[in-house]
Amino acid sequence: IGQVAQPTEKEVVPSVSVFVRKYKPKLEDVQWAQNGVVATIINGEAIPVVQNRIADAGFTELAIIPMGADKGEMEQGGGDPS
């Protein structure tokens, strides 16, 4: 009683650096993204099928750009980002 326990080994804490990738978009990329909306494709439809249905409805200037999974970027003007 009255004695303080002394550590037997020194704990080594490794130095860890975490690098975070930063992305600064170009103005033209921001403007391109602002011209469209993100759409969710339901019922497992393929994007070309949905694109054809949109064209059949008379919206020939509307394009869907696949973004992966069930998402697509819808924009006016045929989908050309330039």
PDB file of N, CA and C in Angstrom:
ATOM      1  N   ILE A   1       0.854  -1.166   0.000  1.00  0.00           N
ATOM      2  CA  ILE A   1       0.000   0.000   0.000  1.00  0.00           C
ATOM      3  C   ILE A   1       0.898   1.226   0.000  1.00  0.00           C
ATOM      4  N   GLY A   2       0.479   2.236  -0.756  1.00  0.00           N
ATOM      5  CA  GLY A   2       1.287   3.432  -0.821  1.00  0.00           C
ATOM      6  C   GLY A   2       2.309   3.402  -1.939  1.00  0.00           C
ATOM      7  N   GLN A   3       2.447   2.266  -2.638  1.00  0.00           N
ATOM      8  CA  GLN A   3       3.399   2.206  -3.746  1.00  0.00           C
ATOM      9  C   GLN A   3       2.663   2.467  -5.065  1.00  0.00           C
ATOM     10  N   VAL A   4       3.328   3.156  -5.965  1.00  0.00           N
ATOM     11  CA  VAL A   4       2.757   3.465  -7.269  1.00  0.00           C
ATOM     12  C   VAL A   4       3.309   2.475  -8.277  1.00  0.00           C
ATOM     13  N   ALA A   5       2.424   1.905  -9.069  1.00  0.00           N
ATOM     14  CA  ALA A   5       2.861   0.937 -10.081  1.00  0.00           C
ATOM     15  C   ALA A   5       3.645   1.668 -11.160  1.00  0.00           C
ATOM     16  N   GLN A   6       4.784   1.119 -11.508  1.00  0.00           N
ATOM     17  CA  GLN A   6       5.636   1.694 -12.538  1.00  0.00           C
ATOM     18  C   GLN A   6       5.420   0.924 -13.844  1.00  0.00           C
ATOM     19  N   PRO A   7       5.298   1.620 -14.973  1.00  0.00           N
ATOM     20  CA  PRO A   7       5.157   0.909 -16.248  1.00  0.00           C
ATOM     21  C   PRO A   7       6.441   0.164 -16.575  1.00  0.00           C
ATOM     22  N   THR A   8       6.276  -1.032 -17.115  1.00  0.00           N
ATOM     23  CA  THR A   8       7.451  -1.838 -17.432  1.00  0.00           C
ATOM     24  C   THR A   8       7.925  -1.613 -18.863  1.00  0.00           C
ATOM     25  N   GLU A   9       7.026  -1.252 -19.775  1.00  0.00           N
ATOM     26  CA  GLU A   9       7.407  -0.996 -21.158  1.00  0.00           C
ATOM     27  C   GLU A   9       6.857   0.357 -21.581  1.00  0.00           C
ATOM     28  N   LYS A  10       7.591   1.010 -22.452  1.00  0.00           N
ATOM     29  CA  LYS A  10       7.127   2.282 -22.979  1.00  0.00           C
ATOM     30  C   LYS A  10       6.218   1.997 -24.179  1.00  0.00           C
ATOM     31  N   GLU A  11       5.027   2.559 -24.161  1.00  0.00           N
ATOM     32  CA  GLU A  11       4.084   2.343 -25.254  1.00  0.00           C
ATOM     33  C   GLU A  11       4.498   3.204 -26.445  1.00  0.00           C
ATOM     34  N   VAL A  12       4.629   2.568 -27.586  1.00  0.00           N
ATOM     35  CA  VAL A  12       5.033   3.275 -28.790  1.00  0.00           C
ATOM     36  C   VAL A  12       3.791   3.554 -29.628  1.00  0.00           C
ATOM     37  N   VAL A  13       3.563   4.818 -29.917  1.00  0.00           N
ATOM     38  CA  VAL A  13       2.437   5.218 -30.744  1.00  0.00           C
ATOM     39  C   VAL A  13       2.988   5.592 -32.112  1.00  0.00           C
ATOM     40  N   PRO A  14       2.592   4.847 -33.150  1.00  0.00           N
ATOM     41  CA  PRO A  14       3.119   5.156 -34.478  1.00  0.00           C
ATOM     42  C   PRO A  14       2.584   6.492 -34.994  1.00  0.00           C
ATOM     43  N   SER A  15       3.413   7.171 -35.735  1.00  0.00           N
ATOM     44  CA  SER A  15       3.007   8.425 -36.353  1.00  0.00           C
ATOM     45  C   SER A  15       2.235   8.095 -37.629  1.00  0.00           C
ATOM     46  N   VAL A  16       0.996   8.528 -37.686  1.00  0.00           N
ATOM     47  CA  VAL A  16       0.147   8.214 -38.827  1.00  0.00           C
ATOM     48  C   VAL A  16      -0.283   9.519 -39.485  1.00  0.00           C
ATOM     49  N   SER A  17      -0.086   9.592 -40.780  1.00  0.00           N
ATOM     50  CA  SER A  17      -0.541  10.745 -41.543  1.00  0.00           C
ATOM     51  C   SER A  17      -1.664  10.302 -42.465  1.00  0.00           C
ATOM     52  N   VAL A  18      -2.711  11.073 -42.497  1.00  0.00           N
ATOM     53  CA  VAL A  18      -3.828  10.787 -43.381  1.00  0.00           C
ATOM     54  C   VAL A  18      -3.864  11.887 -44.432  1.00  0.00           C
ATOM     55  N   PHE A  19      -3.787  11.473 -45.684  1.00  0.00           N
ATOM     56  CA  PHE A  19      -3.828  12.425 -46.773  1.00  0.00           C
ATOM     57  C   PHE A  19      -5.225  12.434 -47.372  1.00  0.00           C
ATOM     58  N   VAL A  20      -5.795  13.613 -47.511  1.00  0.00           N
ATOM     59  CA  VAL A  20      -7.122  13.769 -48.081  1.00  0.00           C
ATOM     60  C   VAL A  20      -6.963  14.411 -49.452  1.00  0.00           C
ATOM     61  N   ARG A  21      -7.496  13.736 -50.456  1.00  0.00           N
ATOM     62  CA  ARG A  21      -7.407  14.257 -51.811  1.00  0.00           C
ATOM     63  C   ARG A  21      -8.390  15.408 -51.964  1.00  0.00           C
ATOM     64  N   LYS A  22      -7.915  16.520 -52.457  1.00  0.00           N
ATOM     65  CA  LYS A  22      -8.776  17.679 -52.674  1.00  0.00           C
ATOM     66  C   LYS A  22      -9.006  17.844 -54.164  1.00  0.00           C
ATOM     67  N   TYR A  23     -10.219  18.210 -54.512  1.00  0.00           N
ATOM     68  CA  TYR A  23     -10.578  18.394 -55.908  1.00  0.00           C
ATOM     69  C   TYR A  23     -11.180  19.773 -56.063  1.00  0.00           C
ATOM     70  N   LYS A  24     -10.628  20.547 -56.938  1.00  0.00           N
ATOM     71  CA  LYS A  24     -11.181  21.861 -57.244  1.00  0.00           C
ATOM     72  C   LYS A  24     -11.660  21.813 -58.692  1.00  0.00           C
ATOM     73  N   PRO A  25     -12.978  21.821 -58.894  1.00  0.00           N
ATOM     74  CA  PRO A  25     -13.496  21.678 -60.253  1.00  0.00           C
ATOM     75  C   PRO A  25     -13.243  22.931 -61.089  1.00  0.00           C
ATOM     76  N   LYS A  26     -13.129  22.706 -62.377  1.00  0.00           N
ATOM     77  CA  LYS A  26     -13.009  23.825 -63.307  1.00  0.00           C
ATOM     78  C   LYS A  26     -14.380  24.467 -63.465  1.00  0.00           C
ATOM     79  N   LEU A  27     -14.391  25.723 -63.818  1.00  0.00           N
ATOM     80  CA  LEU A  27     -15.644  26.453 -63.988  1.00  0.00           C
ATOM     81  C   LEU A  27     -16.533  25.789 -65.037  1.00  0.00           C
ATOM     82  N   GLU A  28     -15.941  25.319 -66.132  1.00  0.00           N
ATOM     83  CA  GLU A  28     -16.746  24.685 -67.182  1.00  0.00           C
ATOM     84  C   GLU A  28     -17.377  23.382 -66.693  1.00  0.00           C
ATOM     85  N   ASP A  29     -16.700  22.649 -65.794  1.00  0.00           N
ATOM     86  CA  ASP A  29     -17.276  21.425 -65.226  1.00  0.00           C
ATOM     87  C   ASP A  29     -18.465  21.754 -64.332  1.00  0.00           C
ATOM     88  N   VAL A  30     -18.349  22.818 -63.556  1.00  0.00           N
ATOM     89  CA  VAL A  30     -19.441  23.231 -62.668  1.00  0.00           C
ATOM     90  C   VAL A  30     -20.643  23.666 -63.495  1.00  0.00           C
ATOM     91  N   GLN A  31     -20.400  24.447 -64.534  1.00  0.00           N
ATOM     92  CA  GLN A  31     -21.501  24.904 -65.386  1.00  0.00           C
ATOM     93  C   GLN A  31     -22.181  23.730 -66.084  1.00  0.00           C
ATOM     94  N   TRP A  32     -21.390  22.749 -66.537  1.00  0.00           N
ATOM     95  CA  TRP A  32     -21.955  21.574 -67.189  1.00  0.00           C
ATOM     96  C   TRP A  32     -22.847  20.801 -66.217  1.00  0.00           C
ATOM     97  N   ALA A  33     -22.382  20.623 -64.987  1.00  0.00           N
ATOM     98  CA  ALA A  33     -23.155  19.876 -63.994  1.00  0.00           C
ATOM     99  C   ALA A  33     -24.421  20.620 -63.591  1.00  0.00           C
ATOM    100  N   GLN A  34     -24.387  21.943 -63.596  1.00  0.00           N
ATOM    101  CA  GLN A  34     -25.556  22.723 -63.207  1.00  0.00           C
ATOM    102  C   GLN A  34     -26.653  22.699 -64.264  1.00  0.00           C
ATOM    103  N   ASN A  35     -26.329  22.299 -65.479  1.00  0.00           N
ATOM    104  CA  ASN A  35     -27.322  22.271 -66.548  1.00  0.00           C
ATOM    105  C   ASN A  35     -28.174  21.009 -66.537  1.00  0.00           C
ATOM    106  N   GLY A  36     -27.860  20.055 -65.698  1.00  0.00           N
ATOM    107  CA  GLY A  36     -28.612  18.807 -65.677  1.00  0.00           C
ATOM    108  C   GLY A  36     -29.132  18.489 -64.292  1.00  0.00           C
ATOM    109  N   VAL A  37     -29.841  17.377 -64.207  1.00  0.00           N
ATOM    110  CA  VAL A  37     -30.337  16.876 -62.926  1.00  0.00           C
ATOM    111  C   VAL A  37     -30.004  15.391 -62.837  1.00  0.00           C
ATOM    112  N   VAL A  38     -29.898  14.890 -61.621  1.00  0.00           N
ATOM    113  CA  VAL A  38     -29.640  13.469 -61.414  1.00  0.00           C
ATOM    114  C   VAL A  38     -30.981  12.753 -61.310  1.00  0.00           C
ATOM    115  N   ALA A  39     -31.121  11.695 -62.087  1.00  0.00           N
ATOM    116  CA  ALA A  39     -32.353  10.913 -62.090  1.00  0.00           C
ATOM    117  C   ALA A  39     -32.061   9.510 -61.586  1.00  0.00           C
ATOM    118  N   THR A  40     -33.040   8.913 -60.916  1.00  0.00           N
ATOM    119  CA  THR A  40     -32.938   7.529 -60.460  1.00  0.00           C
ATOM    120  C   THR A  40     -33.796   6.662 -61.376  1.00  0.00           C
ATOM    121  N   ILE A  41     -33.174   5.650 -61.949  1.00  0.00           N
ATOM    122  CA  ILE A  41     -33.882   4.723 -62.833  1.00  0.00           C
ATOM    123  C   ILE A  41     -34.520   3.646 -61.957  1.00  0.00           C
ATOM    124  N   ILE A  42     -35.834   3.464 -62.086  1.00  0.00           N
ATOM    125  CA  ILE A  42     -36.531   2.487 -61.245  1.00  0.00           C
ATOM    126  C   ILE A  42     -36.860   1.234 -62.056  1.00  0.00           C
ATOM    127  N   ASN A  43     -37.244   0.207 -61.354  1.00  0.00           N
ATOM    128  CA  ASN A  43     -37.655  -1.079 -61.932  1.00  0.00           C
ATOM    129  C   ASN A  43     -36.550  -1.771 -62.719  1.00  0.00           C
ATOM    130  N   GLY A  44     -35.302  -1.428 -62.474  1.00  0.00           N
ATOM    131  CA  GLY A  44     -34.196  -2.115 -63.124  1.00  0.00           C
ATOM    132  C   GLY A  44     -34.091  -1.899 -64.621  1.00  0.00           C
ATOM    133  N   GLU A  45     -34.673  -0.829 -65.123  1.00  0.00           N
ATOM    134  CA  GLU A  45     -34.635  -0.545 -66.559  1.00  0.00           C
ATOM    135  C   GLU A  45     -33.221  -0.184 -66.996  1.00  0.00           C
ATOM    136  N   ALA A  46     -32.875  -0.532 -68.213  1.00  0.00           N
ATOM    137  CA  ALA A  46     -31.593  -0.137 -68.789  1.00  0.00           C
ATOM    138  C   ALA A  46     -31.708   1.302 -69.284  1.00  0.00           C
ATOM    139  N   ILE A  47     -30.623   2.042 -69.176  1.00  0.00           N
ATOM    140  CA  ILE A  47     -30.647   3.455 -69.556  1.00  0.00           C
ATOM    141  C   ILE A  47     -31.001   3.650 -71.034  1.00  0.00           C
ATOM    142  N   PRO A  48     -30.480   2.835 -71.966  1.00  0.00           N
ATOM    143  CA  PRO A  48     -30.902   3.023 -73.365  1.00  0.00           C
ATOM    144  C   PRO A  48     -32.410   2.840 -73.574  1.00  0.00           C
ATOM    145  N   VAL A  49     -33.024   1.945 -72.822  1.00  0.00           N
ATOM    146  CA  VAL A  49     -34.473   1.740 -72.928  1.00  0.00           C
ATOM    147  C   VAL A  49     -35.211   2.987 -72.455  1.00  0.00           C
ATOM    148  N   VAL A  50     -34.770   3.535 -71.329  1.00  0.00           N
ATOM    149  CA  VAL A  50     -35.398   4.752 -70.801  1.00  0.00           C
ATOM    150  C   VAL A  50     -35.179   5.908 -71.774  1.00  0.00           C
ATOM    151  N   GLN A  51     -33.970   6.004 -72.337  1.00  0.00           N
ATOM    152  CA  GLN A  51     -33.666   7.057 -73.310  1.00  0.00           C
ATOM    153  C   GLN A  51     -34.600   6.966 -74.512  1.00  0.00           C
ATOM    154  N   ASN A  52     -34.848   5.757 -75.003  1.00  0.00           N
ATOM    155  CA  ASN A  52     -35.763   5.575 -76.138  1.00  0.00           C
ATOM    156  C   ASN A  52     -37.189   5.965 -75.781  1.00  0.00           C
ATOM    157  N   ARG A  53     -37.625   5.647 -74.570  1.00  0.00           N
ATOM    158  CA  ARG A  53     -38.978   6.023 -74.145  1.00  0.00           C
ATOM    159  C   ARG A  53     -39.125   7.531 -74.064  1.00  0.00           C
ATOM    160  N   ILE A  54     -38.085   8.200 -73.582  1.00  0.00           N
ATOM    161  CA  ILE A  54     -38.115   9.665 -73.503  1.00  0.00           C
ATOM    162  C   ILE A  54     -38.187  10.259 -74.912  1.00  0.00           C
ATOM    163  N   ALA A  55     -37.401   9.714 -75.841  1.00  0.00           N
ATOM    164  CA  ALA A  55     -37.421  10.196 -77.227  1.00  0.00           C
ATOM    165  C   ALA A  55     -38.778   9.931 -77.877  1.00  0.00           C
ATOM    166  N   ASP A  56     -39.369   8.764 -77.598  1.00  0.00           N
ATOM    167  CA  ASP A  56     -40.689   8.440 -78.148  1.00  0.00           C
ATOM    168  C   ASP A  56     -41.762   9.393 -77.634  1.00  0.00           C
ATOM    169  N   ALA A  57     -41.551   9.944 -76.442  1.00  0.00           N
ATOM    170  CA  ALA A  57     -42.509  10.886 -75.869  1.00  0.00           C
ATOM    171  C   ALA A  57     -42.329  12.293 -76.440  1.00  0.00           C
ATOM    172  N   GLY A  58     -41.310  12.466 -77.312  1.00  0.00           N
ATOM    173  CA  GLY A  58     -41.132  13.755 -77.964  1.00  0.00           C
ATOM    174  C   GLY A  58     -39.998  14.604 -77.419  1.00  0.00           C
ATOM    175  N   PHE A  59     -39.292  14.107 -76.421  1.00  0.00           N
ATOM    176  CA  PHE A  59     -38.179  14.857 -75.835  1.00  0.00           C
ATOM    177  C   PHE A  59     -36.872  14.383 -76.471  1.00  0.00           C
ATOM    178  N   THR A  60     -36.660  14.757 -77.729  1.00  0.00           N
ATOM    179  CA  THR A  60     -35.499  14.257 -78.463  1.00  0.00           C
ATOM    180  C   THR A  60     -34.195  14.922 -78.038  1.00  0.00           C
ATOM    181  N   GLU A  61     -34.258  16.089 -77.425  1.00  0.00           N
ATOM    182  CA  GLU A  61     -33.045  16.798 -77.007  1.00  0.00           C
ATOM    183  C   GLU A  61     -32.622  16.455 -75.580  1.00  0.00           C
ATOM    184  N   LEU A  62     -33.328  15.552 -74.927  1.00  0.00           N
ATOM    185  CA  LEU A  62     -33.003  15.178 -73.550  1.00  0.00           C
ATOM    186  C   LEU A  62     -32.155  13.918 -73.568  1.00  0.00           C
ATOM    187  N   ALA A  63     -31.027  13.943 -72.866  1.00  0.00           N
ATOM    188  CA  ALA A  63     -30.107  12.803 -72.862  1.00  0.00           C
ATOM    189  C   ALA A  63     -29.870  12.326 -71.436  1.00  0.00           C
ATOM    190  N   ILE A  64     -29.608  11.036 -71.291  1.00  0.00           N
ATOM    191  CA  ILE A  64     -29.263  10.456 -69.993  1.00  0.00           C
ATOM    192  C   ILE A  64     -27.827   9.960 -70.073  1.00  0.00           C
ATOM    193  N   ILE A  65     -26.998  10.436 -69.164  1.00  0.00           N
ATOM    194  CA  ILE A  65     -25.603  10.007 -69.081  1.00  0.00           C
ATOM    195  C   ILE A  65     -25.494   9.072 -67.886  1.00  0.00           C
ATOM    196  N   PRO A  66     -25.116   7.810 -68.078  1.00  0.00           N
ATOM    197  CA  PRO A  66     -25.018   6.866 -66.954  1.00  0.00           C
ATOM    198  C   PRO A  66     -23.995   7.323 -65.917  1.00  0.00           C
ATOM    199  N   MET A  67     -24.376   7.212 -64.633  1.00  0.00           N
ATOM    200  CA  MET A  67     -23.487   7.578 -63.532  1.00  0.00           C
ATOM    201  C   MET A  67     -23.161   6.377 -62.656  1.00  0.00           C
ATOM    202  N   GLY A  68     -23.656   5.220 -63.006  1.00  0.00           N
ATOM    203  CA  GLY A  68     -23.421   4.035 -62.196  1.00  0.00           C
ATOM    204  C   GLY A  68     -24.642   3.683 -61.381  1.00  0.00           C
ATOM    205  N   ALA A  69     -24.764   2.407 -61.067  1.00  0.00           N
ATOM    206  CA  ALA A  69     -25.904   1.865 -60.315  1.00  0.00           C
ATOM    207  C   ALA A  69     -27.197   2.266 -61.023  1.00  0.00           C
ATOM    208  N   ASP A  70     -28.106   2.908 -60.306  1.00  0.00           N
ATOM    209  CA  ASP A  70     -29.393   3.279 -60.890  1.00  0.00           C
ATOM    210  C   ASP A  70     -29.509   4.788 -61.081  1.00  0.00           C
ATOM    211  N   LYS A  71     -28.386   5.482 -61.209  1.00  0.00           N
ATOM    212  CA  LYS A  71     -28.384   6.939 -61.357  1.00  0.00           C
ATOM    213  C   LYS A  71     -27.975   7.333 -62.769  1.00  0.00           C
ATOM    214  N   GLY A  72     -28.519   8.443 -63.212  1.00  0.00           N
ATOM    215  CA  GLY A  72     -28.155   8.991 -64.507  1.00  0.00           C
ATOM    216  C   GLY A  72     -28.292  10.500 -64.486  1.00  0.00           C
ATOM    217  N   GLU A  73     -27.419  11.181 -65.194  1.00  0.00           N
ATOM    218  CA  GLU A  73     -27.487  12.636 -65.328  1.00  0.00           C
ATOM    219  C   GLU A  73     -28.370  12.928 -66.525  1.00  0.00           C
ATOM    220  N   MET A  74     -29.440  13.682 -66.310  1.00  0.00           N
ATOM    221  CA  MET A  74     -30.326  14.064 -67.404  1.00  0.00           C
ATOM    222  C   MET A  74     -30.025  15.502 -67.768  1.00  0.00           C
ATOM    223  N   GLU A  75     -29.785  15.715 -69.048  1.00  0.00           N
ATOM    224  CA  GLU A  75     -29.533  17.082 -69.477  1.00  0.00           C
ATOM    225  C   GLU A  75     -30.076  17.305 -70.872  1.00  0.00           C
ATOM    226  N   GLN A  76     -30.284  18.568 -71.178  1.00  0.00           N
ATOM    227  CA  GLN A  76     -30.812  18.958 -72.471  1.00  0.00           C
ATOM    228  C   GLN A  76     -29.660  19.205 -73.430  1.00  0.00           C
ATOM    229  N   GLY A  77     -29.829  18.831 -74.672  1.00  0.00           N
ATOM    230  CA  GLY A  77     -28.829  19.136 -75.678  1.00  0.00           C
ATOM    231  C   GLY A  77     -28.054  17.946 -76.167  1.00  0.00           C
ATOM    232  N   GLY A  78     -28.520  16.747 -75.967  1.00  0.00           N
ATOM    233  CA  GLY A  78     -27.879  15.569 -76.525  1.00  0.00           C
ATOM    234  C   GLY A  78     -26.799  14.960 -75.671  1.00  0.00           C
ATOM    235  N   GLY A  79     -26.478  15.526 -74.508  1.00  0.00           N
ATOM    236  CA  GLY A  79     -25.524  14.896 -73.602  1.00  0.00           C
ATOM    237  C   GLY A  79     -24.081  15.175 -73.892  1.00  0.00           C
ATOM    238  N   ASP A  80     -23.775  16.112 -74.795  1.00  0.00           N
ATOM    239  CA  ASP A  80     -22.382  16.431 -75.103  1.00  0.00           C
ATOM    240  C   ASP A  80     -21.860  17.421 -74.079  1.00  0.00           C
ATOM    241  N   PRO A  81     -20.871  17.033 -73.225  1.00  0.00           N
ATOM    242  CA  PRO A  81     -20.414  17.911 -72.155  1.00  0.00           C
ATOM    243  C   PRO A  81     -19.589  19.089 -72.642  1.00  0.00           C
ATOM    244  N   SER A  82     -19.209  19.155 -73.910  1.00  0.00           N
ATOM    245  CA  SER A  82     -18.380  20.270 -74.372  1.00  0.00           C
ATOM    246  C   SER A  82     -19.190  21.400 -74.957  1.00  0.00           C
TER     247      SER A  82
END
